[in-house]
C-alpha atoms as a PDB file:
ATOM      1  CA  UNK A   1      51.035  40.471 -51.825  1.00  0.00           C
ATOM      2  CA  UNK A   2      49.787  38.241 -49.108  1.00  0.00           C
ATOM      3  CA  UNK A   3      47.507  39.258 -46.330  1.00  0.00           C
ATOM      4  CA  UNK A   4      47.122  36.504 -43.685  1.00  0.00           C
ATOM      5  CA  UNK A   5      44.524  38.272 -41.701  1.00  0.00           C
ATOM      6  CA  UNK A   6      42.236  38.860 -44.713  1.00  0.00           C
ATOM      7  CA  UNK A   7      42.741  35.353 -45.608  1.00  0.00           C
ATOM      8  CA  UNK A   8      41.674  33.863 -42.243  1.00  0.00           C
ATOM      9  CA  UNK A   9      38.606  36.203 -42.434  1.00  0.00           C
ATOM     10  CA  UNK A  10      37.668  34.962 -45.683  1.00  0.00           C
ATOM     11  CA  UNK A  11      38.251  31.421 -44.569  1.00  0.00           C
ATOM     12  CA  UNK A  12      35.725  31.856 -41.840  1.00  0.00           C
ATOM     13  CA  UNK A  13      33.254  33.554 -44.141  1.00  0.00           C
ATOM     14  CA  UNK A  14      33.561  30.573 -46.643  1.00  0.00           C
ATOM     15  CA  UNK A  15      32.686  28.199 -43.599  1.00  0.00           C
ATOM     16  CA  UNK A  16      29.793  30.195 -42.577  1.00  0.00           C
ATOM     17  CA  UNK A  17      28.559  30.432 -46.142  1.00  0.00           C
ATOM     18  CA  UNK A  18      28.720  26.650 -46.273  1.00  0.00           C
ATOM     19  CA  UNK A  19      26.970  26.110 -42.944  1.00  0.00           C
ATOM     20  CA  UNK A  20      24.086  28.519 -44.265  1.00  0.00           C
ATOM     21  CA  UNK A  21      23.594  26.476 -47.418  1.00  0.00           C
ATOM     22  CA  UNK A  22      23.523  23.277 -45.522  1.00  0.00           C
ATOM     23  CA  UNK A  23      21.089  24.684 -43.028  1.00  0.00           C
ATOM     24  CA  UNK A  24      18.743  26.128 -45.730  1.00  0.00           C
ATOM     25  CA  UNK A  25      18.953  22.682 -47.472  1.00  0.00           C
ATOM     26  CA  UNK A  26      17.652  20.995 -44.242  1.00  0.00           C
ATOM     27  CA  UNK A  27      15.090  23.681 -43.667  1.00  0.00           C
ATOM     28  CA  UNK A  28      13.768  23.028 -47.265  1.00  0.00           C
ATOM     29  CA  UNK A  29      13.625  19.451 -46.699  1.00  0.00           C
ATOM     30  CA  UNK A  30      11.290  19.897 -43.800  1.00  0.00           C
ATOM     31  CA  UNK A  31       9.179  22.520 -45.476  1.00  0.00           C
ATOM     32  CA  UNK A  32       8.818  20.178 -48.592  1.00  0.00           C
ATOM     33  CA  UNK A  33       7.320  17.534 -46.354  1.00  0.00           C
ATOM     34  CA  UNK A  34       5.044  20.172 -44.736  1.00  0.00           C
ATOM     35  CA  UNK A  35       3.957  21.091 -48.477  1.00  0.00           C
ATOM     36  CA  UNK A  36       3.123  17.386 -49.148  1.00  0.00           C
ATOM     37  CA  UNK A  37       1.213  17.105 -45.894  1.00  0.00           C
ATOM     38  CA  UNK A  38      -0.709  20.267 -46.591  1.00  0.00           C
ATOM     39  CA  UNK A  39      -1.589  19.028 -50.098  1.00  0.00           C
ATOM     40  CA  UNK A  40      -2.712  15.699 -48.829  1.00  0.00           C
ATOM     41  CA  UNK A  41      -4.911  17.149 -46.133  1.00  0.00           C
ATOM     42  CA  UNK A  42      -6.300  20.013 -48.106  1.00  0.00           C
ATOM     43  CA  UNK A  43      -4.643  22.821 -46.065  1.00  0.00           C
ATOM     44  CA  UNK A  44      -3.786  26.108 -47.909  1.00  0.00           C
ATOM     45  CA  UNK A  45      -0.156  26.647 -49.042  1.00  0.00           C
ATOM     46  CA  UNK A  46       0.294  29.893 -47.048  1.00  0.00           C
ATOM     47  CA  UNK A  47      -0.414  30.587 -43.364  1.00  0.00           C
ATOM     48  CA  UNK A  48      -0.247  34.335 -42.974  1.00  0.00           C
ATOM     49  CA  UNK A  49      -0.764  34.171 -39.298  1.00  0.00           C
ATOM     50  CA  UNK A  50       2.151  31.804 -38.813  1.00  0.00           C
ATOM     51  CA  UNK A  51       4.198  33.894 -41.050  1.00  0.00           C
ATOM     52  CA  UNK A  52       3.755  37.122 -39.177  1.00  0.00           C
ATOM     53  CA  UNK A  53       4.480  35.232 -35.922  1.00  0.00           C
ATOM     54  CA  UNK A  54       7.758  33.829 -37.311  1.00  0.00           C
ATOM     55  CA  UNK A  55       8.739  37.358 -38.756  1.00  0.00           C
ATOM     56  CA  UNK A  56       8.097  39.012 -35.344  1.00  0.00           C
ATOM     57  CA  UNK A  57      10.064  36.160 -33.576  1.00  0.00           C
ATOM     58  CA  UNK A  58      13.070  36.449 -35.906  1.00  0.00           C
ATOM     59  CA  UNK A  59      13.027  40.198 -35.800  1.00  0.00           C
ATOM     60  CA  UNK A  60      13.416  39.813 -32.010  1.00  0.00           C
ATOM     61  CA  UNK A  61      16.096  37.363 -32.427  1.00  0.00           C
ATOM     62  CA  UNK A  62      17.881  39.596 -34.910  1.00  0.00           C
ATOM     63  CA  UNK A  63      17.639  42.566 -32.606  1.00  0.00           C
ATOM     64  CA  UNK A  64      19.215  40.493 -29.729  1.00  0.00           C
ATOM     65  CA  UNK A  65      22.040  39.279 -32.161  1.00  0.00           C
ATOM     66  CA  UNK A  66      22.798  42.878 -33.273  1.00  0.00           C
ATOM     67  CA  UNK A  67      21.608  42.013 -36.728  1.00  0.00           C
ATOM     68  CA  UNK A  68      19.489  44.548 -38.829  1.00  0.00           C
ATOM     69  CA  UNK A  69      15.826  43.455 -38.083  1.00  0.00           C
ATOM     70  CA  UNK A  70      14.766  44.882 -41.552  1.00  0.00           C
ATOM     71  CA  UNK A  71      17.528  42.514 -43.335  1.00  0.00           C
ATOM     72  CA  UNK A  72      16.400  39.639 -41.358  1.00  0.00           C
ATOM     73  CA  UNK A  73      12.843  40.150 -42.292  1.00  0.00           C
ATOM     74  CA  UNK A  74      13.671  40.593 -45.900  1.00  0.00           C
ATOM     75  CA  UNK A  75      15.772  37.395 -45.922  1.00  0.00           C
ATOM     76  CA  UNK A  76      12.923  35.460 -44.059  1.00  0.00           C
ATOM     77  CA  UNK A  77      10.316  36.843 -46.438  1.00  0.00           C
ATOM     78  CA  UNK A  78      12.354  35.672 -49.381  1.00  0.00           C
ATOM     79  CA  UNK A  79      12.581  31.988 -47.875  1.00  0.00           C
ATOM     80  CA  UNK A  80       9.004  32.090 -47.048  1.00  0.00           C
ATOM     81  CA  UNK A  81       7.801  33.155 -50.454  1.00  0.00           C
ATOM     82  CA  UNK A  82      10.018  30.311 -51.977  1.00  0.00           C
ATOM     83  CA  UNK A  83       8.424  27.791 -49.481  1.00  0.00           C
ATOM     84  CA  UNK A  84       4.786  28.936 -50.366  1.00  0.00           C
ATOM     85  CA  UNK A  85       5.801  28.506 -54.066  1.00  0.00           C
ATOM     86  CA  UNK A  86       6.896  25.058 -53.326  1.00  0.00           C
ATOM     87  CA  UNK A  87       3.697  24.349 -51.478  1.00  0.00           C
ATOM     88  CA  UNK A  88       1.552  25.673 -54.241  1.00  0.00           C
ATOM     89  CA  UNK A  89       3.374  23.474 -56.721  1.00  0.00           C
ATOM     90  CA  UNK A  90       2.719  20.439 -54.440  1.00  0.00           C
ATOM     91  CA  UNK A  91      -1.018  21.277 -54.575  1.00  0.00           C
ATOM     92  CA  UNK A  92      -1.295  21.160 -58.337  1.00  0.00           C
END
């Protein structure tokens, strides 16, 4: 059984997933550079004020995009936690 509509939706989802992966890769390239800079200059791995500011900003963006702000915060928190882990490793 063939469902061309479903196939088209899935193709779009696959393209979006690929774009997300490439965007995350670019983001992590930059955050790794930030981690090296923080390690070289003695700055702490985490910046709670910046994290709170980013979460608030992205929650607003999520709301304007009709995306669940709770989901967006969980997603961003996961990314932030991973970035902090990388920054901590760079300081060792």
